[in-house]
Structure formats: structure tokens, C-alpha cells
């Protein structure tokens, strides 16, 4: 299993344990899917979260299209972040429930 796939699996396990729903988006040259979608689409306590997963050290390797999609998620009131650890996802979930 590739390092990013392993990290995605760990993050999804954590999300499930926390009661979140998530779906893995498989990128590439799929003509039926919009380019730049985050790796994980998440719903947690009514909040929409898009997570672009990158292994540690590759967080800056986000394409311009991926950055645009994450920005649009934020502009629409959701959470759009690049993550490289389960700990970062923990912090995002905690922040998402604060008022």
C-alpha cells in the first residue's frame, strides 16, 4: 500500500470512530468527475469538509485546481484543508464544532 493510501485509510478509520461519514474520491483522468476534488469528502455533525491528503513533506504539492476547489469549499461555508496526519484531522473536527 502506498504511503498516501495508508494515511487515507488511517484518517477514514479515525473519522468513522468519531461518527463522521466520508467518501474517498479517486482522481485521475476520469471524464465523469470534476477535476480537483479533495481526496476525502466528509460530513461531520452537519458540516461539509473536504480534505486533500498529502504525506508529510508533500503538503505543498497541491495543484492550482485543488487549491481552487478547497477555496471554493471554504467560500461556500465548508471546511477545505490539506492534511498530512490524523492529528490535523482531529484539530479540524474540534474546530468545526466550536461556536
PDB file of N, CA and C in Angstrom:
ATOM      1  N   UNK A   1       0.851  -1.189   0.000  1.00  0.00           N
ATOM      2  CA  UNK A   1       0.000   0.000   0.000  1.00  0.00           C
ATOM      3  C   UNK A   1       0.890   1.243   0.000  1.00  0.00           C
ATOM      4  N   UNK A   2       0.557   2.185  -0.863  1.00  0.00           N
ATOM      5  CA  UNK A   2       1.314   3.430  -0.964  1.00  0.00           C
ATOM      6  C   UNK A   2       1.150   4.243   0.318  1.00  0.00           C
ATOM      7  N   UNK A   3       2.163   5.092   0.653  1.00  0.00           N
ATOM      8  CA  UNK A   3       2.075   5.885   1.886  1.00  0.00           C
ATOM      9  C   UNK A   3       0.822   6.766   1.967  1.00  0.00           C
ATOM     10  N   UNK A   4       0.435   7.396   0.850  1.00  0.00           N
ATOM     11  CA  UNK A   4      -0.761   8.243   0.890  1.00  0.00           C
ATOM     12  C   UNK A   4      -2.018   7.407   1.106  1.00  0.00           C
ATOM     13  N   UNK A   5      -2.093   6.255   0.456  1.00  0.00           N
ATOM     14  CA  UNK A   5      -3.259   5.376   0.632  1.00  0.00           C
ATOM     15  C   UNK A   5      -3.352   4.894   2.077  1.00  0.00           C
ATOM     16  N   UNK A   6      -2.227   4.602   2.675  1.00  0.00           N
ATOM     17  CA  UNK A   6      -2.191   4.171   4.080  1.00  0.00           C
ATOM     18  C   UNK A   6      -2.690   5.294   4.990  1.00  0.00           C
ATOM     19  N   UNK A   7      -2.252   6.522   4.711  1.00  0.00           N
ATOM     20  CA  UNK A   7      -2.678   7.674   5.501  1.00  0.00           C
ATOM     21  C   UNK A   7      -4.180   7.916   5.336  1.00  0.00           C
ATOM     22  N   UNK A   8      -4.678   7.806   4.123  1.00  0.00           N
ATOM     23  CA  UNK A   8      -6.120   7.968   3.877  1.00  0.00           C
ATOM     24  C   UNK A   8      -6.895   6.933   4.688  1.00  0.00           C
ATOM     25  N   UNK A   9      -6.433   5.710   4.704  1.00  0.00           N
ATOM     26  CA  UNK A   9      -7.100   4.646   5.464  1.00  0.00           C
ATOM     27  C   UNK A   9      -7.126   4.966   6.958  1.00  0.00           C
ATOM     28  N   UNK A  10      -6.007   5.460   7.490  1.00  0.00           N
ATOM     29  CA  UNK A  10      -5.941   5.833   8.912  1.00  0.00           C
ATOM     30  C   UNK A  10      -6.904   6.977   9.218  1.00  0.00           C
ATOM     31  N   UNK A  11      -6.940   7.967   8.339  1.00  0.00           N
ATOM     32  CA  UNK A  11      -7.830   9.112   8.546  1.00  0.00           C
ATOM     33  C   UNK A  11      -9.287   8.668   8.485  1.00  0.00           C
ATOM     34  N   UNK A  12      -9.634   7.830   7.518  1.00  0.00           N
ATOM     35  CA  UNK A  12     -11.015   7.358   7.415  1.00  0.00           C
ATOM     36  C   UNK A  12     -11.423   6.538   8.637  1.00  0.00           C
ATOM     37  N   UNK A  13     -10.513   5.729   9.163  1.00  0.00           N
ATOM     38  CA  UNK A  13     -10.812   4.956  10.376  1.00  0.00           C
ATOM     39  C   UNK A  13     -11.096   5.900  11.534  1.00  0.00           C
ATOM     40  N   UNK A  14     -10.282   6.930  11.668  1.00  0.00           N
ATOM     41  CA  UNK A  14     -10.495   7.916  12.727  1.00  0.00           C
ATOM     42  C   UNK A  14     -11.845   8.618  12.547  1.00  0.00           C
ATOM     43  N   UNK A  15     -12.134   9.056  11.323  1.00  0.00           N
ATOM     44  CA  UNK A  15     -13.395   9.743  11.053  1.00  0.00           C
ATOM     45  C   UNK A  15     -14.592   8.870  11.404  1.00  0.00           C
ATOM     46  N   UNK A  16     -14.541   7.616  11.013  1.00  0.00           N
ATOM     47  CA  UNK A  16     -15.634   6.679  11.315  1.00  0.00           C
ATOM     48  C   UNK A  16     -15.807   6.533  12.823  1.00  0.00           C
ATOM     49  N   UNK A  17     -14.697   6.402  13.544  1.00  0.00           N
ATOM     50  CA  UNK A  17     -14.752   6.270  15.002  1.00  0.00           C
ATOM     51  C   UNK A  17     -15.367   7.498  15.661  1.00  0.00           C
ATOM     52  N   UNK A  18     -15.217   8.646  15.016  1.00  0.00           N
ATOM     53  CA  UNK A  18     -15.764   9.896  15.555  1.00  0.00           C
ATOM     54  C   UNK A  18     -17.203  10.150  15.113  1.00  0.00           C
ATOM     55  N   UNK A  19     -17.760   9.235  14.320  1.00  0.00           N
ATOM     56  CA  UNK A  19     -19.138   9.372  13.887  1.00  0.00           C
ATOM     57  C   UNK A  19     -19.314  10.150  12.594  1.00  0.00           C
ATOM     58  N   UNK A  20     -18.225  10.390  11.884  1.00  0.00           N
ATOM     59  CA  UNK A  20     -18.299  11.115  10.615  1.00  0.00           C
ATOM     60  C   UNK A  20     -18.559  10.141   9.470  1.00  0.00           C
ATOM     61  N   UNK A  21     -19.126  10.672   8.401  1.00  0.00           N
ATOM     62  CA  UNK A  21     -19.270   9.933   7.156  1.00  0.00           C
ATOM     63  C   UNK A  21     -18.203  10.464   6.210  1.00  0.00           C
ATOM     64  N   UNK A  22     -17.557   9.567   5.465  1.00  0.00           N
ATOM     65  CA  UNK A  22     -16.551  10.025   4.497  1.00  0.00           C
ATOM     66  C   UNK A  22     -16.601   9.171   3.243  1.00  0.00           C
ATOM     67  N   UNK A  23     -16.168   9.772   2.153  1.00  0.00           N
ATOM     68  CA  UNK A  23     -16.057   9.068   0.877  1.00  0.00           C
ATOM     69  C   UNK A  23     -14.706   9.407   0.276  1.00  0.00           C
ATOM     70  N   UNK A  24     -14.039   8.406  -0.267  1.00  0.00           N
ATOM     71  CA  UNK A  24     -12.752   8.595  -0.936  1.00  0.00           C
ATOM     72  C   UNK A  24     -13.017   8.925  -2.396  1.00  0.00           C
ATOM     73  N   UNK A  25     -12.434  10.002  -2.848  1.00  0.00           N
ATOM     74  CA  UNK A  25     -12.544  10.412  -4.246  1.00  0.00           C
ATOM     75  C   UNK A  25     -11.283   9.939  -4.958  1.00  0.00           C
ATOM     76  N   UNK A  26     -11.458   9.213  -6.037  1.00  0.00           N
ATOM     77  CA  UNK A  26     -10.318   8.711  -6.806  1.00  0.00           C
ATOM     78  C   UNK A  26     -10.110   9.623  -8.001  1.00  0.00           C
ATOM     79  N   UNK A  27      -9.031  10.382  -7.953  1.00  0.00           N
ATOM     80  CA  UNK A  27      -8.745  11.356  -9.006  1.00  0.00           C
ATOM     81  C   UNK A  27      -8.226  10.691 -10.265  1.00  0.00           C
ATOM     82  N   UNK A  28      -7.551  11.470 -11.046  1.00  0.00           N
ATOM     83  CA  UNK A  28      -7.016  10.961 -12.296  1.00  0.00           C
ATOM     84  C   UNK A  28      -7.785  11.509 -13.480  1.00  0.00           C
ATOM     85  N   UNK A  29      -7.686  10.830 -14.577  1.00  0.00           N
ATOM     86  CA  UNK A  29      -8.313  11.280 -15.817  1.00  0.00           C
ATOM     87  C   UNK A  29      -9.715  10.711 -15.989  1.00  0.00           C
ATOM     88  N   UNK A  30     -10.554  10.887 -14.988  1.00  0.00           N
ATOM     89  CA  UNK A  30     -11.922  10.412 -15.048  1.00  0.00           C
ATOM     90  C   UNK A  30     -12.793  11.484 -15.702  1.00  0.00           C
ATOM     91  N   UNK A  31     -13.302  11.247 -16.905  1.00  0.00           N
ATOM     92  CA  UNK A  31     -14.089  12.271 -17.588  1.00  0.00           C
ATOM     93  C   UNK A  31     -15.452  12.537 -16.931  1.00  0.00           C
ATOM     94  N   UNK A  32     -15.856  11.685 -16.002  1.00  0.00           N
ATOM     95  CA  UNK A  32     -17.150  11.838 -15.341  1.00  0.00           C
ATOM     96  C   UNK A  32     -17.043  12.509 -13.980  1.00  0.00           C
ATOM     97  N   UNK A  33     -15.848  13.000 -13.641  1.00  0.00           N
ATOM     98  CA  UNK A  33     -15.627  13.604 -12.327  1.00  0.00           C
ATOM     99  C   UNK A  33     -14.945  14.953 -12.492  1.00  0.00           C
ATOM    100  N   UNK A  34     -15.398  15.932 -11.747  1.00  0.00           N
ATOM    101  CA  UNK A  34     -14.793  17.260 -11.784  1.00  0.00           C
ATOM    102  C   UNK A  34     -13.348  17.185 -11.295  1.00  0.00           C
ATOM    103  N   UNK A  35     -12.463  17.858 -11.986  1.00  0.00           N
ATOM    104  CA  UNK A  35     -11.046  17.883 -11.608  1.00  0.00           C
ATOM    105  C   UNK A  35     -10.851  18.672 -10.316  1.00  0.00           C
ATOM    106  N   UNK A  36      -9.897  18.233  -9.516  1.00  0.00           N
ATOM    107  CA  UNK A  36      -9.507  18.967  -8.321  1.00  0.00           C
ATOM    108  C   UNK A  36     -10.276  18.650  -7.064  1.00  0.00           C
ATOM    109  N   UNK A  37     -11.209  17.682  -7.117  1.00  0.00           N
ATOM    110  CA  UNK A  37     -11.949  17.349  -5.903  1.00  0.00           C
ATOM    111  C   UNK A  37     -11.000  16.836  -4.825  1.00  0.00           C
ATOM    112  N   UNK A  38     -11.270  17.173  -3.552  1.00  0.00           N
ATOM    113  CA  UNK A  38     -10.421  16.683  -2.463  1.00  0.00           C
ATOM    114  C   UNK A  38     -10.450  15.156  -2.373  1.00  0.00           C
ATOM    115  N   UNK A  39      -9.406  14.579  -1.794  1.00  0.00           N
ATOM    116  CA  UNK A  39      -9.316  13.128  -1.639  1.00  0.00           C
ATOM    117  C   UNK A  39     -10.460  12.567  -0.805  1.00  0.00           C
ATOM    118  N   UNK A  40     -10.831  13.295   0.241  1.00  0.00           N
ATOM    119  CA  UNK A  40     -11.904  12.838   1.129  1.00  0.00           C
ATOM    120  C   UNK A  40     -12.995  13.889   1.228  1.00  0.00           C
ATOM    121  N   UNK A  41     -14.218  13.448   1.020  1.00  0.00           N
ATOM    122  CA  UNK A  41     -15.398  14.272   1.238  1.00  0.00           C
ATOM    123  C   UNK A  41     -16.011  13.764   2.540  1.00  0.00           C
ATOM    124  N   UNK A  42     -16.224  14.688   3.482  1.00  0.00           N
ATOM    125  CA  UNK A  42     -16.624  14.301   4.835  1.00  0.00           C
ATOM    126  C   UNK A  42     -17.840  15.104   5.271  1.00  0.00           C
ATOM    127  N   UNK A  43     -18.722  14.450   6.008  1.00  0.00           N
ATOM    128  CA  UNK A  43     -19.799  15.147   6.708  1.00  0.00           C
ATOM    129  C   UNK A  43     -19.650  14.812   8.181  1.00  0.00           C
ATOM    130  N   UNK A  44     -19.506  15.847   9.007  1.00  0.00           N
ATOM    131  CA  UNK A  44     -19.327  15.655  10.445  1.00  0.00           C
ATOM    132  C   UNK A  44     -20.216  16.649  11.181  1.00  0.00           C
ATOM    133  N   UNK A  45     -21.202  16.120  11.892  1.00  0.00           N
ATOM    134  CA  UNK A  45     -22.138  16.935  12.670  1.00  0.00           C
ATOM    135  C   UNK A  45     -22.735  18.066  11.823  1.00  0.00           C
ATOM    136  N   UNK A  46     -23.098  17.714  10.606  1.00  0.00           N
ATOM    137  CA  UNK A  46     -23.739  18.674   9.725  1.00  0.00           C
ATOM    138  C   UNK A  46     -22.802  19.594   8.970  1.00  0.00           C
ATOM    139  N   UNK A  47     -21.504  19.440   9.162  1.00  0.00           N
ATOM    140  CA  UNK A  47     -20.528  20.282   8.470  1.00  0.00           C
ATOM    141  C   UNK A  47     -19.943  19.535   7.286  1.00  0.00           C
ATOM    142  N   UNK A  48     -19.758  20.256   6.171  1.00  0.00           N
ATOM    143  CA  UNK A  48     -19.112  19.707   4.987  1.00  0.00           C
ATOM    144  C   UNK A  48     -17.619  19.974   5.090  1.00  0.00           C
ATOM    145  N   UNK A  49     -16.830  18.916   4.900  1.00  0.00           N
ATOM    146  CA  UNK A  49     -15.371  19.029   4.995  1.00  0.00           C
ATOM    147  C   UNK A  49     -14.756  18.349   3.780  1.00  0.00           C
ATOM    148  N   UNK A  50     -13.871  19.054   3.103  1.00  0.00           N
ATOM    149  CA  UNK A  50     -13.094  18.485   2.009  1.00  0.00           C
ATOM    150  C   UNK A  50     -11.638  18.417   2.430  1.00  0.00           C
ATOM    151  N   UNK A  51     -11.057  17.220   2.417  1.00  0.00           N
ATOM    152  CA  UNK A  51      -9.671  17.030   2.849  1.00  0.00           C
ATOM    153  C   UNK A  51      -8.811  16.541   1.693  1.00  0.00           C
ATOM    154  N   UNK A  52      -7.794  17.305   1.378  1.00  0.00           N
ATOM    155  CA  UNK A  52      -6.783  16.886   0.407  1.00  0.00           C
ATOM    156  C   UNK A  52      -5.656  16.267   1.219  1.00  0.00           C
ATOM    157  N   UNK A  53      -5.413  14.981   1.031  1.00  0.00           N
ATOM    158  CA  UNK A  53      -4.442  14.239   1.841  1.00  0.00           C
ATOM    159  C   UNK A  53      -3.098  14.185   1.116  1.00  0.00           C
ATOM    160  N   UNK A  54      -2.067  14.627   1.816  1.00  0.00           N
ATOM    161  CA  UNK A  54      -0.695  14.570   1.302  1.00  0.00           C
ATOM    162  C   UNK A  54       0.195  13.998   2.393  1.00  0.00           C
ATOM    163  N   UNK A  55       1.147  13.147   2.008  1.00  0.00           N
ATOM    164  CA  UNK A  55       2.076  12.623   3.008  1.00  0.00           C
ATOM    165  C   UNK A  55       2.965  13.752   3.490  1.00  0.00           C
ATOM    166  N   UNK A  56       3.476  13.605   4.702  1.00  0.00           N
ATOM    167  CA  UNK A  56       4.336  14.606   5.323  1.00  0.00           C
ATOM    168  C   UNK A  56       5.480  14.975   4.380  1.00  0.00           C
ATOM    169  N   UNK A  57       5.660  16.245   4.180  1.00  0.00           N
ATOM    170  CA  UNK A  57       6.699  16.737   3.284  1.00  0.00           C
ATOM    171  C   UNK A  57       6.197  17.073   1.896  1.00  0.00           C
ATOM    172  N   UNK A  58       4.984  16.626   1.568  1.00  0.00           N
ATOM    173  CA  UNK A  58       4.424  16.893   0.246  1.00  0.00           C
ATOM    174  C   UNK A  58       3.186  17.802   0.311  1.00  0.00           C
ATOM    175  N   UNK A  59       3.004  18.454   1.462  1.00  0.00           N
ATOM    176  CA  UNK A  59       1.822  19.303   1.651  1.00  0.00           C
ATOM    177  C   UNK A  59       1.753  20.454   0.640  1.00  0.00           C
ATOM    178  N   UNK A  60       2.892  20.863   0.145  1.00  0.00           N
ATOM    179  CA  UNK A  60       2.929  21.971  -0.820  1.00  0.00           C
ATOM    180  C   UNK A  60       2.649  21.495  -2.245  1.00  0.00           C
ATOM    181  N   UNK A  61       2.557  20.189  -2.452  1.00  0.00           N
ATOM    182  CA  UNK A  61       2.343  19.625  -3.789  1.00  0.00           C
ATOM    183  C   UNK A  61       0.860  19.566  -4.161  1.00  0.00           C
ATOM    184  N   UNK A  62       0.157  20.616  -3.842  1.00  0.00           N
ATOM    185  CA  UNK A  62      -1.264  20.704  -4.167  1.00  0.00           C
ATOM    186  C   UNK A  62      -1.370  21.478  -5.480  1.00  0.00           C
ATOM    187  N   UNK A  63      -2.126  20.954  -6.412  1.00  0.00           N
ATOM    188  CA  UNK A  63      -2.244  21.608  -7.717  1.00  0.00           C
ATOM    189  C   UNK A  63      -3.055  22.903  -7.601  1.00  0.00           C
ATOM    190  N   UNK A  64      -2.874  23.805  -8.550  1.00  0.00           N
ATOM    191  CA  UNK A  64      -3.694  25.029  -8.549  1.00  0.00           C
ATOM    192  C   UNK A  64      -5.194  24.715  -8.557  1.00  0.00           C
ATOM    193  N   UNK A  65      -5.596  23.699  -9.289  1.00  0.00           N
ATOM    194  CA  UNK A  65      -7.016  23.323  -9.340  1.00  0.00           C
ATOM    195  C   UNK A  65      -7.495  22.819  -7.979  1.00  0.00           C
ATOM    196  N   UNK A  66      -6.665  22.018  -7.286  1.00  0.00           N
ATOM    197  CA  UNK A  66      -7.030  21.535  -5.954  1.00  0.00           C
ATOM    198  C   UNK A  66      -7.163  22.707  -4.983  1.00  0.00           C
ATOM    199  N   UNK A  67      -6.229  23.662  -5.044  1.00  0.00           N
ATOM    200  CA  UNK A  67      -6.322  24.847  -4.188  1.00  0.00           C
ATOM    201  C   UNK A  67      -7.592  25.634  -4.469  1.00  0.00           C
ATOM    202  N   UNK A  68      -7.946  25.763  -5.742  1.00  0.00           N
ATOM    203  CA  UNK A  68      -9.162  26.479  -6.119  1.00  0.00           C
ATOM    204  C   UNK A  68     -10.396  25.795  -5.538  1.00  0.00           C
ATOM    205  N   UNK A  69     -10.471  24.478  -5.655  1.00  0.00           N
ATOM    206  CA  UNK A  69     -11.622  23.747  -5.124  1.00  0.00           C
ATOM    207  C   UNK A  69     -11.700  23.895  -3.608  1.00  0.00           C
ATOM    208  N   UNK A  70     -10.570  23.770  -2.905  1.00  0.00           N
ATOM    209  CA  UNK A  70     -10.569  23.938  -1.446  1.00  0.00           C
ATOM    210  C   UNK A  70     -11.023  25.343  -1.059  1.00  0.00           C
ATOM    211  N   UNK A  71     -10.587  26.351  -1.811  1.00  0.00           N
ATOM    212  CA  UNK A  71     -11.002  27.727  -1.545  1.00  0.00           C
ATOM    213  C   UNK A  71     -12.507  27.884  -1.763  1.00  0.00           C
ATOM    214  N   UNK A  72     -13.029  27.276  -2.822  1.00  0.00           N
ATOM    215  CA  UNK A  72     -14.468  27.361  -3.086  1.00  0.00           C
ATOM    216  C   UNK A  72     -15.283  26.671  -2.000  1.00  0.00           C
ATOM    217  N   UNK A  73     -14.771  25.573  -1.464  1.00  0.00           N
ATOM    218  CA  UNK A  73     -15.443  24.906  -0.342  1.00  0.00           C
ATOM    219  C   UNK A  73     -15.524  25.867   0.840  1.00  0.00           C
ATOM    220  N   UNK A  74     -14.410  26.539   1.150  1.00  0.00           N
ATOM    221  CA  UNK A  74     -14.399  27.492   2.269  1.00  0.00           C
ATOM    222  C   UNK A  74     -15.332  28.669   2.011  1.00  0.00           C
ATOM    223  N   UNK A  75     -15.327  29.180   0.778  1.00  0.00           N
ATOM    224  CA  UNK A  75     -16.195  30.309   0.435  1.00  0.00           C
ATOM    225  C   UNK A  75     -17.674  29.939   0.564  1.00  0.00           C
ATOM    226  N   UNK A  76     -17.993  28.674   0.371  1.00  0.00           N
ATOM    227  CA  UNK A  76     -19.379  28.201   0.478  1.00  0.00           C
ATOM    228  C   UNK A  76     -19.765  27.868   1.920  1.00  0.00           C
ATOM    229  N   UNK A  77     -18.845  28.057   2.868  1.00  0.00           N
ATOM    230  CA  UNK A  77     -19.152  27.813   4.272  1.00  0.00           C
ATOM    231  C   UNK A  77     -18.678  26.488   4.812  1.00  0.00           C
ATOM    232  N   UNK A  78     -18.025  25.682   3.968  1.00  0.00           N
ATOM    233  CA  UNK A  78     -17.479  24.405   4.420  1.00  0.00           C
ATOM    234  C   UNK A  78     -16.048  24.562   4.900  1.00  0.00           C
ATOM    235  N   UNK A  79     -15.446  23.450   5.176  1.00  0.00           N
ATOM    236  CA  UNK A  79     -14.044  23.413   5.589  1.00  0.00           C
ATOM    237  C   UNK A  79     -13.273  22.712   4.484  1.00  0.00           C
ATOM    238  N   UNK A  80     -12.249  23.340   3.981  1.00  0.00           N
ATOM    239  CA  UNK A  80     -11.402  22.758   2.946  1.00  0.00           C
ATOM    240  C   UNK A  80      -9.959  22.874   3.368  1.00  0.00           C
ATOM    241  N   UNK A  81      -9.298  21.758   3.619  1.00  0.00           N
ATOM    242  CA  UNK A  81      -7.940  21.765   4.160  1.00  0.00           C
ATOM    243  C   UNK A  81      -7.064  20.711   3.508  1.00  0.00           C
ATOM    244  N   UNK A  82      -5.760  20.971   3.534  1.00  0.00           N
ATOM    245  CA  UNK A  82      -4.748  19.977   3.178  1.00  0.00           C
ATOM    246  C   UNK A  82      -4.257  19.386   4.487  1.00  0.00           C
ATOM    247  N   UNK A  83      -4.226  18.056   4.581  1.00  0.00           N
ATOM    248  CA  UNK A  83      -3.804  17.398   5.819  1.00  0.00           C
ATOM    249  C   UNK A  83      -2.738  16.351   5.531  1.00  0.00           C
ATOM    250  N   UNK A  84      -1.886  16.123   6.531  1.00  0.00           N
ATOM    251  CA  UNK A  84      -0.849  15.099   6.390  1.00  0.00           C
ATOM    252  C   UNK A  84      -0.755  14.219   7.630  1.00  0.00           C
ATOM    253  N   UNK A  85      -1.778  14.298   8.509  1.00  0.00           N
ATOM    254  CA  UNK A  85      -1.776  13.442   9.687  1.00  0.00           C
ATOM    255  C   UNK A  85      -3.184  13.335  10.273  1.00  0.00           C
ATOM    256  N   UNK A  86      -3.400  12.286  11.031  1.00  0.00           N
ATOM    257  CA  UNK A  86      -4.672  12.119  11.731  1.00  0.00           C
ATOM    258  C   UNK A  86      -4.826  13.235  12.752  1.00  0.00           C
ATOM    259  N   UNK A  87      -3.741  13.643  13.372  1.00  0.00           N
ATOM    260  CA  UNK A  87      -3.783  14.713  14.385  1.00  0.00           C
ATOM    261  C   UNK A  87      -4.352  16.005  13.797  1.00  0.00           C
ATOM    262  N   UNK A  88      -3.961  16.321  12.572  1.00  0.00           N
ATOM    263  CA  UNK A  88      -4.516  17.522  11.929  1.00  0.00           C
ATOM    264  C   UNK A  88      -6.025  17.382  11.744  1.00  0.00           C
ATOM    265  N   UNK A  89      -6.470  16.199  11.386  1.00  0.00           N
ATOM    266  CA  UNK A  89      -7.900  15.966  11.203  1.00  0.00           C
ATOM    267  C   UNK A  89      -8.624  16.097  12.548  1.00  0.00           C
ATOM    268  N   UNK A  90      -8.028  15.600  13.622  1.00  0.00           N
ATOM    269  CA  UNK A  90      -8.608  15.764  14.966  1.00  0.00           C
ATOM    270  C   UNK A  90      -8.853  17.239  15.256  1.00  0.00           C
ATOM    271  N   UNK A  91      -7.853  18.062  14.979  1.00  0.00           N
ATOM    272  CA  UNK A  91      -7.967  19.501  15.242  1.00  0.00           C
ATOM    273  C   UNK A  91      -9.056  20.138  14.386  1.00  0.00           C
ATOM    274  N   UNK A  92      -9.167  19.704  13.146  1.00  0.00           N
ATOM    275  CA  UNK A  92     -10.203  20.246  12.254  1.00  0.00           C
ATOM    276  C   UNK A  92     -11.589  19.894  12.794  1.00  0.00           C
ATOM    277  N   UNK A  93     -11.783  18.647  13.231  1.00  0.00           N
ATOM    278  CA  UNK A  93     -13.093  18.262  13.776  1.00  0.00           C
ATOM    279  C   UNK A  93     -13.417  19.066  15.033  1.00  0.00           C
ATOM    280  N   UNK A  94     -12.440  19.257  15.897  1.00  0.00           N
ATOM    281  CA  UNK A  94     -12.678  20.035  17.123  1.00  0.00           C
ATOM    282  C   UNK A  94     -13.046  21.474  16.777  1.00  0.00           C
ATOM    283  N   UNK A  95     -12.315  22.071  15.838  1.00  0.00           N
ATOM    284  CA  UNK A  95     -12.608  23.447  15.418  1.00  0.00           C
ATOM    285  C   UNK A  95     -13.979  23.555  14.771  1.00  0.00           C
ATOM    286  N   UNK A  96     -14.387  22.515  14.058  1.00  0.00           N
ATOM    287  CA  UNK A  96     -15.652  22.570  13.317  1.00  0.00           C
ATOM    288  C   UNK A  96     -16.863  22.608  14.224  1.00  0.00           C
ATOM    289  N   UNK A  97     -16.715  22.164  15.465  1.00  0.00           N
ATOM    290  CA  UNK A  97     -17.859  22.119  16.370  1.00  0.00           C
ATOM    291  C   UNK A  97     -17.884  23.285  17.340  1.00  0.00           C
ATOM    292  N   UNK A  98     -16.871  24.135  17.321  1.00  0.00           N
ATOM    293  CA  UNK A  98     -16.861  25.325  18.186  1.00  0.00           C
ATOM    294  C   UNK A  98     -17.776  26.391  17.616  1.00  0.00           C
ATOM    295  N   UNK A  99     -18.397  27.107  18.478  1.00  0.00           N
ATOM    296  CA  UNK A  99     -19.265  28.219  18.046  1.00  0.00           C
ATOM    297  C   UNK A  99     -18.673  29.527  18.456  1.00  0.00           C
TER     298      UNK A  99
END
